[in-house]
Every structure is written in structure tokens, then in C-alpha cells.
């Protein structure tokens, strides 16, 4: 599954989709991930979270891999200084 994540809300919807596809409650998933239900609830709600080791640990345990790439810019676009 692939999704463009541009805002915390996008990641929240993505995590929610993974959880519901697995037919798990927030409590069940939080217990399986070793995090709190509140953390997971806030993540799914799109509440901005501090990106720390716990954040990446939760994503890794959900099978979510984050990649970064640059967007090619048009050298003829006057907005690209």
C-alpha cells in the first residue's frame, strides 16, 4: 500500500487504515506495539507528534517505511531561485 504523506492527518488516516484492515481496536494495536492507546489515538487523529525514536518504532512495527526524495524543479520556472 502506498500513500503520499504531506501532513500529520495523512499519516493518521494511513495508520487508521492499516489498523482497520487488520480488524484491530486501537487498544489491541497499542498493546501489540508496546505504546499507549492515547498515543495511537492522537496519531490517527492527525495530532502532530514529536518525531522521535518512539514515532519511528511505531511506524516500523506497522510495516510503514518512510522515504525522502527531492522533487525535480523546472529550471525555466521563474519561481525557482
N, C-alpha and C. Protein backbone atom coordinates (compact mmCIF):
# COMPACT_ATOMS: atom_id res chain seq x y z
N UNK A 1 0.86 -1.16 0.00
CA UNK A 1 0.00 0.00 0.00
C UNK A 1 0.91 1.23 0.00
N UNK A 2 0.57 2.21 -0.80
CA UNK A 2 1.38 3.43 -0.90
C UNK A 2 0.48 4.64 -0.74
N UNK A 3 0.98 5.64 -0.03
CA UNK A 3 0.21 6.85 0.19
C UNK A 3 1.16 8.03 0.34
N UNK A 4 0.81 9.15 -0.27
CA UNK A 4 1.60 10.37 -0.12
C UNK A 4 1.24 11.00 1.22
N UNK A 5 2.25 11.23 2.05
CA UNK A 5 2.05 11.80 3.38
C UNK A 5 2.63 13.20 3.39
N UNK A 6 1.75 14.18 3.44
CA UNK A 6 2.19 15.57 3.43
C UNK A 6 1.88 16.29 4.74
N UNK A 7 1.00 15.72 5.54
CA UNK A 7 0.58 16.35 6.80
C UNK A 7 0.37 15.26 7.84
N UNK A 8 0.35 15.64 9.12
CA UNK A 8 0.09 14.64 10.17
C UNK A 8 -1.23 13.90 9.95
N UNK A 9 -2.24 14.59 9.41
CA UNK A 9 -3.54 13.96 9.16
C UNK A 9 -3.44 12.83 8.15
N UNK A 10 -2.55 12.99 7.16
CA UNK A 10 -2.36 11.94 6.15
C UNK A 10 -1.81 10.67 6.79
N UNK A 11 -0.82 10.84 7.66
CA UNK A 11 -0.26 9.68 8.34
C UNK A 11 -1.31 9.05 9.25
N UNK A 12 -2.10 9.88 9.91
CA UNK A 12 -3.15 9.36 10.79
C UNK A 12 -4.14 8.50 10.05
N UNK A 13 -4.58 8.97 8.88
CA UNK A 13 -5.52 8.17 8.07
C UNK A 13 -4.87 6.87 7.60
N UNK A 14 -3.59 6.93 7.28
CA UNK A 14 -2.87 5.74 6.82
C UNK A 14 -2.78 4.70 7.93
N UNK A 15 -2.39 5.14 9.12
CA UNK A 15 -2.30 4.22 10.27
C UNK A 15 -3.68 3.65 10.60
N UNK A 16 -4.70 4.49 10.57
CA UNK A 16 -6.07 4.03 10.83
C UNK A 16 -6.47 2.94 9.82
N UNK A 17 -6.13 3.16 8.57
CA UNK A 17 -6.47 2.17 7.53
C UNK A 17 -5.77 0.84 7.77
N UNK A 18 -4.50 0.89 8.13
CA UNK A 18 -3.76 -0.34 8.43
C UNK A 18 -4.41 -1.07 9.59
N UNK A 19 -4.76 -0.31 10.64
CA UNK A 19 -5.38 -0.93 11.82
C UNK A 19 -6.73 -1.55 11.49
N UNK A 20 -7.58 -0.82 10.78
CA UNK A 20 -8.91 -1.35 10.49
C UNK A 20 -8.84 -2.52 9.50
N UNK A 21 -7.89 -2.47 8.58
CA UNK A 21 -7.70 -3.61 7.67
C UNK A 21 -7.32 -4.87 8.45
N UNK A 22 -6.59 -4.67 9.56
CA UNK A 22 -6.19 -5.80 10.41
C UNK A 22 -7.27 -6.17 11.41
N UNK A 23 -8.41 -5.44 11.39
CA UNK A 23 -9.53 -5.69 12.29
C UNK A 23 -9.11 -5.65 13.76
N UNK A 24 -8.35 -4.61 14.08
CA UNK A 24 -7.89 -4.43 15.46
C UNK A 24 -8.45 -3.14 16.03
N UNK A 25 -8.68 -3.15 17.34
CA UNK A 25 -9.05 -1.92 18.04
C UNK A 25 -7.77 -1.12 18.29
N UNK A 26 -7.94 0.13 18.64
CA UNK A 26 -6.77 0.92 19.00
C UNK A 26 -6.04 0.29 20.19
N UNK A 27 -6.79 -0.17 21.15
CA UNK A 27 -6.19 -0.80 22.34
C UNK A 27 -5.38 -2.03 21.95
N UNK A 28 -5.94 -2.88 21.10
CA UNK A 28 -5.22 -4.09 20.68
C UNK A 28 -3.93 -3.74 19.95
N UNK A 29 -4.01 -2.77 19.05
CA UNK A 29 -2.82 -2.39 18.30
C UNK A 29 -1.79 -1.73 19.21
N UNK A 30 -2.24 -0.85 20.09
CA UNK A 30 -1.32 -0.20 21.02
C UNK A 30 -0.59 -1.23 21.89
N UNK A 31 -1.33 -2.21 22.38
CA UNK A 31 -0.71 -3.26 23.19
C UNK A 31 0.32 -4.05 22.36
N UNK A 32 -0.04 -4.37 21.12
CA UNK A 32 0.86 -5.12 20.25
C UNK A 32 2.12 -4.32 19.92
N UNK A 33 1.99 -3.00 19.84
CA UNK A 33 3.13 -2.15 19.51
C UNK A 33 3.92 -1.73 20.73
N UNK A 34 3.36 -1.94 21.91
CA UNK A 34 4.03 -1.53 23.14
C UNK A 34 3.98 -0.03 23.36
N UNK A 35 2.89 0.58 22.91
CA UNK A 35 2.70 2.01 23.12
C UNK A 35 1.34 2.22 23.79
N UNK A 36 1.01 3.44 24.08
CA UNK A 36 -0.28 3.69 24.73
C UNK A 36 -1.39 3.86 23.70
N UNK A 37 -2.60 3.56 24.13
CA UNK A 37 -3.76 3.75 23.26
C UNK A 37 -3.92 5.23 22.95
N UNK A 38 -3.62 6.08 23.92
CA UNK A 38 -3.73 7.53 23.72
C UNK A 38 -2.78 8.00 22.61
N UNK A 39 -1.54 7.52 22.63
CA UNK A 39 -0.57 7.89 21.60
C UNK A 39 -1.10 7.51 20.22
N UNK A 40 -1.60 6.30 20.11
CA UNK A 40 -2.13 5.81 18.84
C UNK A 40 -3.37 6.59 18.42
N UNK A 41 -4.24 6.90 19.37
CA UNK A 41 -5.44 7.67 19.08
C UNK A 41 -5.07 9.05 18.54
N UNK A 42 -4.12 9.70 19.19
CA UNK A 42 -3.70 11.02 18.75
C UNK A 42 -3.01 10.96 17.39
N UNK A 43 -2.23 9.92 17.16
CA UNK A 43 -1.57 9.73 15.86
C UNK A 43 -2.62 9.59 14.76
N UNK A 44 -3.61 8.73 14.98
CA UNK A 44 -4.67 8.53 13.99
C UNK A 44 -5.51 9.78 13.78
N UNK A 45 -5.66 10.60 14.80
CA UNK A 45 -6.45 11.82 14.69
C UNK A 45 -5.68 12.93 13.96
N UNK A 46 -4.41 12.67 13.65
CA UNK A 46 -3.61 13.65 12.94
C UNK A 46 -2.99 14.69 13.83
N UNK A 47 -3.00 14.45 15.13
CA UNK A 47 -2.35 15.39 16.05
C UNK A 47 -0.85 15.31 15.81
N UNK A 48 -0.22 16.46 15.58
CA UNK A 48 1.22 16.43 15.34
C UNK A 48 1.95 15.77 16.50
N UNK A 49 2.85 14.88 16.16
CA UNK A 49 3.64 14.17 17.16
C UNK A 49 5.11 14.53 16.98
N UNK A 50 5.82 14.53 18.08
CA UNK A 50 7.26 14.74 18.01
C UNK A 50 7.86 13.53 17.31
N UNK A 51 8.69 13.79 16.34
CA UNK A 51 9.32 12.69 15.61
C UNK A 51 10.55 12.28 16.40
N UNK A 52 10.38 11.17 17.13
CA UNK A 52 11.44 10.65 17.97
C UNK A 52 11.55 9.15 17.75
N UNK A 53 12.35 8.49 18.55
CA UNK A 53 12.55 7.05 18.39
C UNK A 53 11.23 6.28 18.51
N UNK A 54 10.34 6.69 19.42
CA UNK A 54 9.05 6.02 19.59
C UNK A 54 8.21 6.12 18.32
N UNK A 55 8.21 7.29 17.72
CA UNK A 55 7.45 7.53 16.48
C UNK A 55 7.91 6.56 15.40
N UNK A 56 9.23 6.49 15.17
CA UNK A 56 9.74 5.60 14.14
C UNK A 56 9.56 4.13 14.52
N UNK A 57 9.61 3.82 15.80
CA UNK A 57 9.39 2.45 16.25
C UNK A 57 7.97 2.00 15.93
N UNK A 58 6.99 2.87 16.19
CA UNK A 58 5.59 2.54 15.89
C UNK A 58 5.43 2.33 14.39
N UNK A 59 5.98 3.24 13.58
CA UNK A 59 5.86 3.09 12.12
C UNK A 59 6.50 1.79 11.65
N UNK A 60 7.69 1.50 12.16
CA UNK A 60 8.39 0.28 11.76
C UNK A 60 7.58 -0.97 12.12
N UNK A 61 7.00 -0.98 13.33
CA UNK A 61 6.21 -2.13 13.76
C UNK A 61 4.94 -2.29 12.93
N UNK A 62 4.45 -1.18 12.36
CA UNK A 62 3.28 -1.26 11.49
C UNK A 62 3.66 -1.62 10.05
N UNK A 63 4.95 -1.70 9.79
CA UNK A 63 5.41 -2.01 8.43
C UNK A 63 5.43 -0.78 7.53
N UNK A 64 5.42 0.40 8.12
CA UNK A 64 5.45 1.64 7.34
C UNK A 64 6.90 2.08 7.19
N UNK A 65 7.33 2.23 5.94
CA UNK A 65 8.67 2.72 5.65
C UNK A 65 8.55 4.13 5.09
N UNK A 66 9.35 5.03 5.59
CA UNK A 66 9.35 6.40 5.09
C UNK A 66 10.55 6.61 4.19
N UNK A 67 10.32 7.25 3.06
CA UNK A 67 11.37 7.58 2.12
C UNK A 67 11.34 9.07 1.87
N UNK A 68 12.47 9.63 1.58
CA UNK A 68 12.53 11.05 1.23
C UNK A 68 13.09 11.14 -0.19
N UNK A 69 12.53 12.05 -0.94
CA UNK A 69 13.05 12.30 -2.27
C UNK A 69 12.85 13.76 -2.61
N UNK A 70 13.70 14.24 -3.48
CA UNK A 70 13.56 15.62 -3.91
C UNK A 70 12.62 15.65 -5.10
N UNK A 71 11.95 16.74 -5.25
CA UNK A 71 11.05 16.93 -6.38
C UNK A 71 11.83 17.74 -7.40
N UNK A 72 11.93 17.21 -8.61
CA UNK A 72 12.67 17.91 -9.66
C UNK A 72 12.02 19.25 -9.94
N UNK A 73 12.82 20.27 -10.04
CA UNK A 73 12.27 21.59 -10.33
C UNK A 73 12.57 21.96 -11.77
N UNK A 74 11.73 22.79 -12.31
CA UNK A 74 11.87 23.26 -13.69
C UNK A 74 12.82 24.45 -13.69
N UNK A 75 14.01 24.32 -14.33
CA UNK A 75 14.95 25.44 -14.32
C UNK A 75 14.45 26.68 -15.02
N UNK A 76 13.43 26.54 -15.87
CA UNK A 76 12.87 27.68 -16.57
C UNK A 76 11.77 28.38 -15.79
N UNK A 77 11.39 27.80 -14.63
CA UNK A 77 10.34 28.40 -13.79
C UNK A 77 10.93 29.56 -13.01
N UNK A 78 10.42 30.78 -13.22
CA UNK A 78 10.97 31.94 -12.52
C UNK A 78 10.80 31.87 -11.00
N UNK A 79 9.95 31.01 -10.52
CA UNK A 79 9.74 30.87 -9.08
C UNK A 79 10.84 30.05 -8.41
N UNK A 80 11.71 29.42 -9.19
CA UNK A 80 12.79 28.59 -8.66
C UNK A 80 14.09 29.37 -8.64
N UNK A 81 14.30 30.13 -7.61
CA UNK A 81 15.55 30.91 -7.49
C UNK A 81 16.54 30.21 -6.63
